[in-house]
Amino acid sequence: MRLILLATVGLATLACDGGRPDQFIELHGQWADGQAIDFFQEAVLSENESGRIILAASDSLRPRFLGVRIDYDPTLVAGPGPYVGAATETGPVVLHVLRSVDQYAAAEYFVKNAAFDFTSLPTESSPILAGTLGAVNFIFDGAPVLAVKDGAFRGVRR
């Protein structure tokens, strides 16, 4: 777990289908105490200095669940299909969950066991990143924290 300053991800462009964003992360599940997680936020797709592709979404107005980041190494995720969340933060695909600690800070959790299914990866001919995820059961220090039963994501390389 790392403490980080809370930063709001900039808004993505809206698609022309009635205001639904063309870049988003959506998750459905629950906290260990049974409280529902229904997260749908606009996302931003970027590339970091080491070449990892990052799709991030946040919502500073939620009291518990502040954001999600999916990142992957394009040299290890070669094509569409199923992938399992990495056991290390430098693995092929990584899921991070952002949760508030107090008014000014958040804890970022690295989730090791998410199941991803990439339906599209950005290429020279198509800028779209898309897929689904599920089977997330996050445990921290031996105690369950959250479970995500299903989700979807989409980003556009600009």
N, C-alpha and C. Protein backbone atom coordinates (compact mmCIF):
# COMPACT_ATOMS: atom_id res chain seq x y z
N MET A 1 0.85 -1.17 0.00
CA MET A 1 0.00 0.00 0.00
C MET A 1 0.88 1.22 0.00
N ARG A 2 0.54 2.21 -0.82
CA ARG A 2 1.26 3.47 -0.87
C ARG A 2 0.29 4.60 -0.60
N LEU A 3 0.74 5.61 0.11
CA LEU A 3 -0.07 6.81 0.28
C LEU A 3 0.28 7.76 -0.83
N ILE A 4 -0.73 8.31 -1.46
CA ILE A 4 -0.49 9.26 -2.54
C ILE A 4 -1.44 10.43 -2.37
N LEU A 5 -1.08 11.56 -2.93
CA LEU A 5 -1.98 12.70 -2.92
C LEU A 5 -3.11 12.44 -3.89
N LEU A 6 -4.29 12.84 -3.51
CA LEU A 6 -5.46 12.62 -4.35
C LEU A 6 -5.43 13.57 -5.53
N ALA A 7 -5.51 13.02 -6.72
CA ALA A 7 -5.53 13.83 -7.93
C ALA A 7 -6.72 13.40 -8.77
N THR A 8 -7.43 14.33 -9.30
CA THR A 8 -8.57 14.02 -10.14
C THR A 8 -8.12 13.87 -11.58
N VAL A 9 -8.52 12.78 -12.19
CA VAL A 9 -8.20 12.53 -13.59
C VAL A 9 -9.02 13.50 -14.43
N GLY A 10 -8.39 14.08 -15.44
CA GLY A 10 -9.10 15.00 -16.33
C GLY A 10 -10.21 14.30 -17.08
N LEU A 11 -11.16 15.06 -17.54
CA LEU A 11 -12.30 14.48 -18.24
C LEU A 11 -11.93 14.08 -19.65
N ALA A 12 -12.43 12.95 -20.06
CA ALA A 12 -12.24 12.47 -21.42
C ALA A 12 -13.31 13.10 -22.31
N THR A 13 -13.10 13.00 -23.60
CA THR A 13 -14.08 13.53 -24.53
C THR A 13 -15.32 12.67 -24.55
N LEU A 14 -16.45 13.30 -24.75
CA LEU A 14 -17.71 12.54 -24.80
C LEU A 14 -17.97 12.07 -26.22
N ALA A 15 -18.47 10.86 -26.30
CA ALA A 15 -18.83 10.31 -27.60
C ALA A 15 -20.15 10.92 -28.06
N CYS A 16 -20.51 10.63 -29.27
CA CYS A 16 -21.72 11.23 -29.84
C CYS A 16 -22.96 10.38 -29.59
N ASP A 17 -22.94 9.44 -28.66
CA ASP A 17 -24.08 8.56 -28.44
C ASP A 17 -24.86 8.96 -27.19
N GLY A 18 -25.29 10.21 -27.12
CA GLY A 18 -26.10 10.66 -26.01
C GLY A 18 -25.31 11.03 -24.78
N GLY A 19 -24.04 11.35 -24.93
CA GLY A 19 -23.26 11.81 -23.80
C GLY A 19 -22.47 10.73 -23.09
N ARG A 20 -22.56 9.47 -23.50
CA ARG A 20 -21.75 8.42 -22.87
C ARG A 20 -20.29 8.66 -23.24
N PRO A 21 -19.39 8.63 -22.27
CA PRO A 21 -17.98 8.89 -22.59
C PRO A 21 -17.39 7.81 -23.48
N ASP A 22 -16.46 8.18 -24.35
CA ASP A 22 -15.81 7.19 -25.20
C ASP A 22 -14.63 6.54 -24.49
N GLN A 23 -14.26 7.06 -23.30
CA GLN A 23 -13.23 6.46 -22.47
C GLN A 23 -13.79 6.32 -21.07
N PHE A 24 -13.76 5.10 -20.51
CA PHE A 24 -14.36 4.90 -19.19
C PHE A 24 -13.80 3.64 -18.53
N ILE A 25 -14.03 3.55 -17.22
CA ILE A 25 -13.84 2.31 -16.47
C ILE A 25 -15.13 2.12 -15.67
N GLU A 26 -15.65 0.90 -15.71
CA GLU A 26 -16.88 0.55 -15.00
C GLU A 26 -16.64 -0.73 -14.19
N LEU A 27 -17.02 -0.70 -12.91
CA LEU A 27 -16.87 -1.85 -12.03
C LEU A 27 -18.12 -2.04 -11.19
N HIS A 28 -18.49 -3.30 -10.94
CA HIS A 28 -19.62 -3.63 -10.07
C HIS A 28 -19.19 -4.73 -9.11
N GLY A 29 -19.48 -4.53 -7.85
CA GLY A 29 -19.11 -5.52 -6.84
C GLY A 29 -19.52 -5.03 -5.47
N GLN A 30 -18.71 -5.38 -4.45
CA GLN A 30 -19.03 -4.93 -3.10
C GLN A 30 -17.79 -4.91 -2.22
N TRP A 31 -17.88 -4.06 -1.19
CA TRP A 31 -16.87 -4.02 -0.14
C TRP A 31 -17.09 -5.23 0.76
N ALA A 32 -16.11 -5.54 1.59
CA ALA A 32 -16.21 -6.67 2.51
C ALA A 32 -17.39 -6.54 3.47
N ASP A 33 -17.79 -5.30 3.79
CA ASP A 33 -18.93 -5.09 4.69
C ASP A 33 -20.28 -5.19 3.98
N GLY A 34 -20.27 -5.50 2.67
CA GLY A 34 -21.51 -5.67 1.92
C GLY A 34 -21.98 -4.44 1.16
N GLN A 35 -21.35 -3.29 1.38
CA GLN A 35 -21.74 -2.07 0.66
C GLN A 35 -21.40 -2.23 -0.82
N ALA A 36 -22.36 -1.89 -1.66
CA ALA A 36 -22.20 -2.06 -3.11
C ALA A 36 -21.15 -1.11 -3.69
N ILE A 37 -20.47 -1.59 -4.72
CA ILE A 37 -19.57 -0.77 -5.54
C ILE A 37 -20.18 -0.72 -6.93
N ASP A 38 -20.64 0.43 -7.33
CA ASP A 38 -21.12 0.66 -8.69
C ASP A 38 -20.37 1.87 -9.20
N PHE A 39 -19.27 1.63 -9.88
CA PHE A 39 -18.35 2.67 -10.31
C PHE A 39 -18.40 2.79 -11.82
N PHE A 40 -18.69 3.97 -12.33
CA PHE A 40 -18.62 4.27 -13.76
C PHE A 40 -18.08 5.68 -13.88
N GLN A 41 -16.88 5.80 -14.43
CA GLN A 41 -16.26 7.11 -14.55
C GLN A 41 -15.54 7.24 -15.88
N GLU A 42 -15.49 8.47 -16.34
CA GLU A 42 -14.69 8.77 -17.51
C GLU A 42 -13.23 8.46 -17.19
N ALA A 43 -12.47 8.06 -18.20
CA ALA A 43 -11.09 7.66 -18.01
C ALA A 43 -10.18 8.39 -18.98
N VAL A 44 -8.90 8.32 -18.70
CA VAL A 44 -7.87 8.90 -19.57
C VAL A 44 -6.86 7.81 -19.89
N LEU A 45 -6.53 7.66 -21.17
CA LEU A 45 -5.55 6.69 -21.62
C LEU A 45 -4.23 7.41 -21.88
N SER A 46 -3.15 6.88 -21.34
CA SER A 46 -1.84 7.51 -21.52
C SER A 46 -0.75 6.44 -21.56
N GLU A 47 0.48 6.88 -21.76
CA GLU A 47 1.64 5.98 -21.74
C GLU A 47 2.67 6.60 -20.82
N ASN A 48 3.25 5.79 -19.91
CA ASN A 48 4.26 6.35 -19.01
C ASN A 48 5.65 6.27 -19.63
N GLU A 49 6.64 6.78 -18.92
CA GLU A 49 8.00 6.85 -19.45
C GLU A 49 8.62 5.49 -19.71
N SER A 50 8.15 4.45 -19.05
CA SER A 50 8.70 3.11 -19.30
C SER A 50 7.95 2.36 -20.41
N GLY A 51 6.94 3.00 -21.00
CA GLY A 51 6.21 2.40 -22.12
C GLY A 51 4.94 1.67 -21.74
N ARG A 52 4.60 1.61 -20.44
CA ARG A 52 3.35 0.96 -20.03
C ARG A 52 2.16 1.81 -20.44
N ILE A 53 1.09 1.17 -20.88
CA ILE A 53 -0.15 1.84 -21.24
C ILE A 53 -1.01 1.90 -19.99
N ILE A 54 -1.58 3.08 -19.69
CA ILE A 54 -2.33 3.30 -18.46
C ILE A 54 -3.71 3.86 -18.80
N LEU A 55 -4.74 3.24 -18.24
CA LEU A 55 -6.10 3.76 -18.31
C LEU A 55 -6.53 4.04 -16.88
N ALA A 56 -6.85 5.29 -16.57
CA ALA A 56 -7.15 5.68 -15.19
C ALA A 56 -8.45 6.48 -15.13
N ALA A 57 -9.21 6.24 -14.05
CA ALA A 57 -10.45 6.97 -13.81
C ALA A 57 -10.55 7.23 -12.31
N SER A 58 -11.03 8.43 -11.95
CA SER A 58 -11.20 8.73 -10.53
C SER A 58 -12.44 9.58 -10.32
N ASP A 59 -12.90 9.58 -9.07
CA ASP A 59 -14.06 10.36 -8.67
C ASP A 59 -13.82 10.85 -7.26
N SER A 60 -13.43 12.09 -7.10
CA SER A 60 -13.09 12.63 -5.79
C SER A 60 -14.30 12.84 -4.90
N LEU A 61 -15.51 12.65 -5.42
CA LEU A 61 -16.72 12.85 -4.62
C LEU A 61 -17.18 11.59 -3.91
N ARG A 62 -16.62 10.44 -4.25
CA ARG A 62 -17.01 9.19 -3.59
C ARG A 62 -16.26 9.09 -2.26
N PRO A 63 -16.97 8.75 -1.18
CA PRO A 63 -16.31 8.70 0.12
C PRO A 63 -15.33 7.53 0.30
N ARG A 64 -15.52 6.42 -0.40
CA ARG A 64 -14.65 5.26 -0.19
C ARG A 64 -13.87 4.87 -1.43
N PHE A 65 -14.55 4.70 -2.53
CA PHE A 65 -13.94 4.18 -3.75
C PHE A 65 -13.62 5.35 -4.67
N LEU A 66 -12.36 5.77 -4.72
CA LEU A 66 -11.99 6.98 -5.43
C LEU A 66 -11.57 6.76 -6.87
N GLY A 67 -11.01 5.61 -7.17
CA GLY A 67 -10.55 5.45 -8.54
C GLY A 67 -9.97 4.08 -8.83
N VAL A 68 -9.67 3.90 -10.11
CA VAL A 68 -9.15 2.65 -10.64
C VAL A 68 -8.10 2.98 -11.69
N ARG A 69 -7.05 2.17 -11.71
CA ARG A 69 -6.05 2.30 -12.78
C ARG A 69 -5.73 0.90 -13.29
N ILE A 70 -5.79 0.76 -14.60
CA ILE A 70 -5.40 -0.47 -15.27
C ILE A 70 -4.16 -0.13 -16.08
N ASP A 71 -3.10 -0.89 -15.90
CA ASP A 71 -1.95 -0.64 -16.77
C ASP A 71 -1.38 -1.97 -17.27
N TYR A 72 -0.78 -1.90 -18.44
CA TYR A 72 -0.22 -3.12 -19.03
C TYR A 72 1.02 -2.80 -19.83
N ASP A 73 1.84 -3.83 -20.00
CA ASP A 73 3.07 -3.73 -20.78
C ASP A 73 2.78 -4.24 -22.19
N PRO A 74 2.82 -3.36 -23.19
CA PRO A 74 2.46 -3.79 -24.55
C PRO A 74 3.43 -4.82 -25.15
N THR A 75 4.61 -4.99 -24.56
CA THR A 75 5.51 -6.04 -25.05
C THR A 75 5.12 -7.41 -24.50
N LEU A 76 4.32 -7.43 -23.41
CA LEU A 76 3.89 -8.69 -22.80
C LEU A 76 2.42 -9.02 -23.08
N VAL A 77 1.65 -8.02 -23.45
CA VAL A 77 0.25 -8.20 -23.83
C VAL A 77 0.20 -7.97 -25.33
N ALA A 78 0.41 -9.04 -26.07
CA ALA A 78 0.64 -8.92 -27.50
C ALA A 78 -0.63 -8.85 -28.34
N GLY A 79 -1.74 -9.32 -27.83
CA GLY A 79 -2.95 -9.32 -28.62
C GLY A 79 -4.17 -9.46 -27.76
N PRO A 80 -5.36 -9.26 -28.35
CA PRO A 80 -6.60 -9.44 -27.60
C PRO A 80 -6.69 -10.86 -27.03
N GLY A 81 -7.44 -10.97 -25.92
CA GLY A 81 -7.63 -12.27 -25.29
C GLY A 81 -7.58 -12.16 -23.79
N PRO A 82 -7.67 -13.31 -23.10
CA PRO A 82 -7.67 -13.31 -21.64
C PRO A 82 -6.27 -13.17 -21.05
N TYR A 83 -6.17 -12.43 -19.96
CA TYR A 83 -4.93 -12.25 -19.21
C TYR A 83 -5.29 -12.24 -17.72
N VAL A 84 -4.38 -12.70 -16.88
CA VAL A 84 -4.58 -12.68 -15.44
C VAL A 84 -3.74 -11.55 -14.86
N GLY A 85 -4.34 -10.82 -13.91
CA GLY A 85 -3.61 -9.74 -13.25
C GLY A 85 -2.30 -10.24 -12.67
N ALA A 86 -1.28 -9.44 -12.78
CA ALA A 86 0.07 -9.84 -12.42
C ALA A 86 0.27 -9.98 -10.92
N ALA A 87 1.27 -10.79 -10.56
CA ALA A 87 1.65 -10.96 -9.16
C ALA A 87 2.64 -9.88 -8.72
N THR A 88 3.13 -9.09 -9.68
CA THR A 88 4.03 -7.97 -9.36
C THR A 88 3.53 -6.73 -10.09
N GLU A 89 3.94 -5.58 -9.62
CA GLU A 89 3.50 -4.32 -10.24
C GLU A 89 4.12 -4.08 -11.61
N THR A 90 5.08 -4.90 -12.01
CA THR A 90 5.69 -4.76 -13.33
C THR A 90 5.28 -5.88 -14.26
N GLY A 91 4.29 -6.68 -13.87
CA GLY A 91 3.82 -7.79 -14.69
C GLY A 91 3.07 -7.32 -15.91
N PRO A 92 2.56 -8.26 -16.70
CA PRO A 92 1.89 -7.91 -17.95
C PRO A 92 0.70 -6.96 -17.78
N VAL A 93 -0.23 -7.28 -16.84
CA VAL A 93 -1.42 -6.45 -16.62
C VAL A 93 -1.57 -6.24 -15.11
N VAL A 94 -1.84 -5.00 -14.72
CA VAL A 94 -1.94 -4.67 -13.30
C VAL A 94 -3.19 -3.84 -13.05
N LEU A 95 -3.88 -4.14 -11.96
CA LEU A 95 -5.05 -3.37 -11.53
C LEU A 95 -4.72 -2.69 -10.20
N HIS A 96 -4.99 -1.39 -10.12
CA HIS A 96 -4.80 -0.62 -8.89
C HIS A 96 -6.15 -0.02 -8.50
N VAL A 97 -6.45 -0.02 -7.20
CA VAL A 97 -7.68 0.56 -6.67
C VAL A 97 -7.29 1.68 -5.72
N LEU A 98 -7.95 2.82 -5.83
CA LEU A 98 -7.66 3.99 -5.00
C LEU A 98 -8.80 4.19 -4.01
N ARG A 99 -8.43 4.26 -2.72
CA ARG A 99 -9.42 4.41 -1.66
C ARG A 99 -9.01 5.57 -0.75
N SER A 100 -10.00 6.34 -0.28
CA SER A 100 -9.66 7.50 0.55
C SER A 100 -9.13 7.07 1.91
N VAL A 101 -8.18 7.86 2.41
CA VAL A 101 -7.63 7.66 3.75
C VAL A 101 -8.13 8.79 4.64
N ASP A 102 -8.05 9.99 4.13
CA ASP A 102 -8.60 11.16 4.81
C ASP A 102 -8.92 12.20 3.74
N GLN A 103 -9.16 13.41 4.13
CA GLN A 103 -9.58 14.45 3.20
C GLN A 103 -8.52 14.76 2.14
N TYR A 104 -7.25 14.54 2.44
CA TYR A 104 -6.18 14.95 1.53
C TYR A 104 -5.36 13.82 0.93
N ALA A 105 -5.59 12.60 1.33
CA ALA A 105 -4.75 11.51 0.85
C ALA A 105 -5.59 10.27 0.55
N ALA A 106 -4.97 9.38 -0.19
CA ALA A 106 -5.63 8.13 -0.56
C ALA A 106 -4.62 7.00 -0.48
N ALA A 107 -5.11 5.81 -0.32
CA ALA A 107 -4.28 4.61 -0.36
C ALA A 107 -4.52 3.94 -1.70
N GLU A 108 -3.45 3.55 -2.35
CA GLU A 108 -3.54 2.86 -3.62
C GLU A 108 -3.18 1.40 -3.39
N TYR A 109 -4.11 0.49 -3.71
CA TYR A 109 -3.90 -0.93 -3.53
C TYR A 109 -3.60 -1.59 -4.86
N PHE A 110 -2.63 -2.45 -4.87
CA PHE A 110 -2.25 -3.23 -6.04
C PHE A 110 -3.00 -4.56 -5.93
N VAL A 111 -3.84 -4.87 -6.92
CA VAL A 111 -4.68 -6.08 -6.89
C VAL A 111 -4.03 -7.15 -7.77
N LYS A 112 -3.76 -8.32 -7.20
CA LYS A 112 -2.97 -9.34 -7.89
C LYS A 112 -3.76 -10.36 -8.70
N ASN A 113 -5.07 -10.44 -8.54
CA ASN A 113 -5.77 -11.59 -9.13
C ASN A 113 -6.93 -11.26 -10.05
N ALA A 114 -6.91 -10.14 -10.72
CA ALA A 114 -8.01 -9.79 -11.62
C ALA A 114 -7.92 -10.60 -12.92
N ALA A 115 -9.08 -10.93 -13.48
CA ALA A 115 -9.15 -11.62 -14.77
C ALA A 115 -9.55 -10.59 -15.83
N PHE A 116 -8.68 -10.36 -16.79
CA PHE A 116 -8.93 -9.39 -17.86
C PHE A 116 -9.22 -10.13 -19.16
N ASP A 117 -10.08 -9.55 -19.98
CA ASP A 117 -10.28 -10.05 -21.33
C ASP A 117 -10.22 -8.83 -22.26
N PHE A 118 -9.08 -8.65 -22.91
CA PHE A 118 -8.91 -7.54 -23.84
C PHE A 118 -9.58 -7.89 -25.16
N THR A 119 -10.51 -7.04 -25.60
CA THR A 119 -11.16 -7.25 -26.89
C THR A 119 -10.51 -6.42 -27.98
N SER A 120 -9.76 -5.38 -27.58
CA SER A 120 -9.07 -4.53 -28.54
C SER A 120 -7.88 -3.87 -27.85
N LEU A 121 -6.75 -3.84 -28.55
CA LEU A 121 -5.55 -3.14 -28.07
C LEU A 121 -5.18 -2.08 -29.09
N PRO A 122 -4.67 -0.93 -28.64
CA PRO A 122 -4.29 0.11 -29.58
C PRO A 122 -3.18 -0.36 -30.54
N THR A 123 -3.38 -0.08 -31.81
CA THR A 123 -2.39 -0.40 -32.84
C THR A 123 -2.25 0.82 -33.75
N GLU A 124 -1.42 0.69 -34.76
CA GLU A 124 -1.27 1.77 -35.74
C GLU A 124 -2.58 2.02 -36.49
N SER A 125 -3.37 0.95 -36.72
CA SER A 125 -4.61 1.10 -37.49
C SER A 125 -5.85 1.38 -36.64
N SER A 126 -5.79 1.11 -35.33
CA SER A 126 -6.93 1.36 -34.46
C SER A 126 -6.44 1.88 -33.10
N PRO A 127 -6.97 3.02 -32.65
CA PRO A 127 -6.50 3.59 -31.38
C PRO A 127 -7.25 3.06 -30.15
N ILE A 128 -8.09 2.04 -30.30
CA ILE A 128 -9.00 1.62 -29.23
C ILE A 128 -8.38 0.57 -28.30
N LEU A 129 -8.52 0.81 -27.01
CA LEU A 129 -8.25 -0.17 -25.96
C LEU A 129 -9.61 -0.51 -25.36
N ALA A 130 -9.96 -1.79 -25.28
CA ALA A 130 -11.27 -2.16 -24.73
C ALA A 130 -11.20 -3.56 -24.15
N GLY A 131 -12.10 -3.81 -23.20
CA GLY A 131 -12.17 -5.14 -22.63
C GLY A 131 -13.06 -5.20 -21.41
N THR A 132 -13.01 -6.35 -20.75
CA THR A 132 -13.79 -6.57 -19.54
C THR A 132 -12.86 -7.11 -18.46
N LEU A 133 -13.34 -7.05 -17.22
CA LEU A 133 -12.60 -7.65 -16.13
C LEU A 133 -13.55 -8.17 -15.08
N GLY A 134 -13.06 -9.08 -14.28
CA GLY A 134 -13.88 -9.67 -13.23
C GLY A 134 -13.04 -10.56 -12.35
N ALA A 135 -13.70 -11.34 -11.51
CA ALA A 135 -13.04 -12.27 -10.61
C ALA A 135 -12.00 -11.58 -9.74
N VAL A 136 -12.31 -10.38 -9.27
CA VAL A 136 -11.40 -9.64 -8.41
C VAL A 136 -11.82 -9.86 -6.96
N ASN A 137 -10.96 -10.47 -6.17
CA ASN A 137 -11.18 -10.63 -4.74
C ASN A 137 -9.94 -10.09 -4.05
N PHE A 138 -10.03 -8.84 -3.61
CA PHE A 138 -8.86 -8.19 -3.04
C PHE A 138 -8.79 -8.42 -1.54
N ILE A 139 -7.66 -8.97 -1.09
CA ILE A 139 -7.42 -9.24 0.33
C ILE A 139 -6.17 -8.47 0.74
N PHE A 140 -6.25 -7.75 1.86
CA PHE A 140 -5.11 -6.99 2.36
C PHE A 140 -4.84 -7.39 3.80
N ASP A 141 -3.61 -7.77 4.09
CA ASP A 141 -3.22 -8.24 5.43
C ASP A 141 -4.13 -9.37 5.93
N GLY A 142 -4.51 -10.27 5.02
CA GLY A 142 -5.31 -11.42 5.39
C GLY A 142 -6.81 -11.19 5.50
N ALA A 143 -7.25 -9.95 5.33
CA ALA A 143 -8.68 -9.64 5.45
C ALA A 143 -9.25 -9.21 4.10
N PRO A 144 -10.46 -9.69 3.75
CA PRO A 144 -11.08 -9.25 2.50
C PRO A 144 -11.36 -7.75 2.53
N VAL A 145 -11.13 -7.09 1.40
CA VAL A 145 -11.39 -5.66 1.29
C VAL A 145 -12.53 -5.41 0.31
N LEU A 146 -12.43 -5.97 -0.89
CA LEU A 146 -13.49 -5.79 -1.88
C LEU A 146 -13.50 -6.94 -2.86
N ALA A 147 -14.64 -7.09 -3.52
CA ALA A 147 -14.80 -8.09 -4.59
C ALA A 147 -15.48 -7.39 -5.76
N VAL A 148 -14.94 -7.58 -6.95
CA VAL A 148 -15.55 -7.03 -8.17
C VAL A 148 -16.02 -8.22 -8.99
N LYS A 149 -17.34 -8.27 -9.26
CA LYS A 149 -17.87 -9.40 -10.03
C LYS A 149 -17.74 -9.17 -11.53
N ASP A 150 -17.87 -7.92 -11.98
CA ASP A 150 -17.70 -7.64 -13.40
C ASP A 150 -17.37 -6.18 -13.62
N GLY A 151 -16.84 -5.92 -14.79
CA GLY A 151 -16.50 -4.55 -15.16
C GLY A 151 -16.12 -4.48 -16.63
N ALA A 152 -15.97 -3.26 -17.11
CA ALA A 152 -15.60 -3.02 -18.50
C ALA A 152 -14.71 -1.79 -18.55
N PHE A 153 -13.95 -1.68 -19.62
CA PHE A 153 -13.10 -0.50 -19.80
C PHE A 153 -12.92 -0.21 -21.28
N ARG A 154 -12.66 1.07 -21.56
CA ARG A 154 -12.43 1.50 -22.94
C ARG A 154 -11.62 2.78 -22.91
N GLY A 155 -10.62 2.85 -23.76
CA GLY A 155 -9.81 4.04 -23.91
C GLY A 155 -9.48 4.26 -25.37
N VAL A 156 -9.12 5.49 -25.70
CA VAL A 156 -8.78 5.84 -27.07
C VAL A 156 -7.43 6.55 -27.07
N ARG A 157 -6.47 5.98 -27.78
CA ARG A 157 -5.16 6.63 -27.89
C ARG A 157 -5.29 7.82 -28.83
N ARG A 158 -4.95 8.98 -28.33
CA ARG A 158 -5.10 10.22 -29.11
C ARG A 158 -3.78 10.70 -29.63
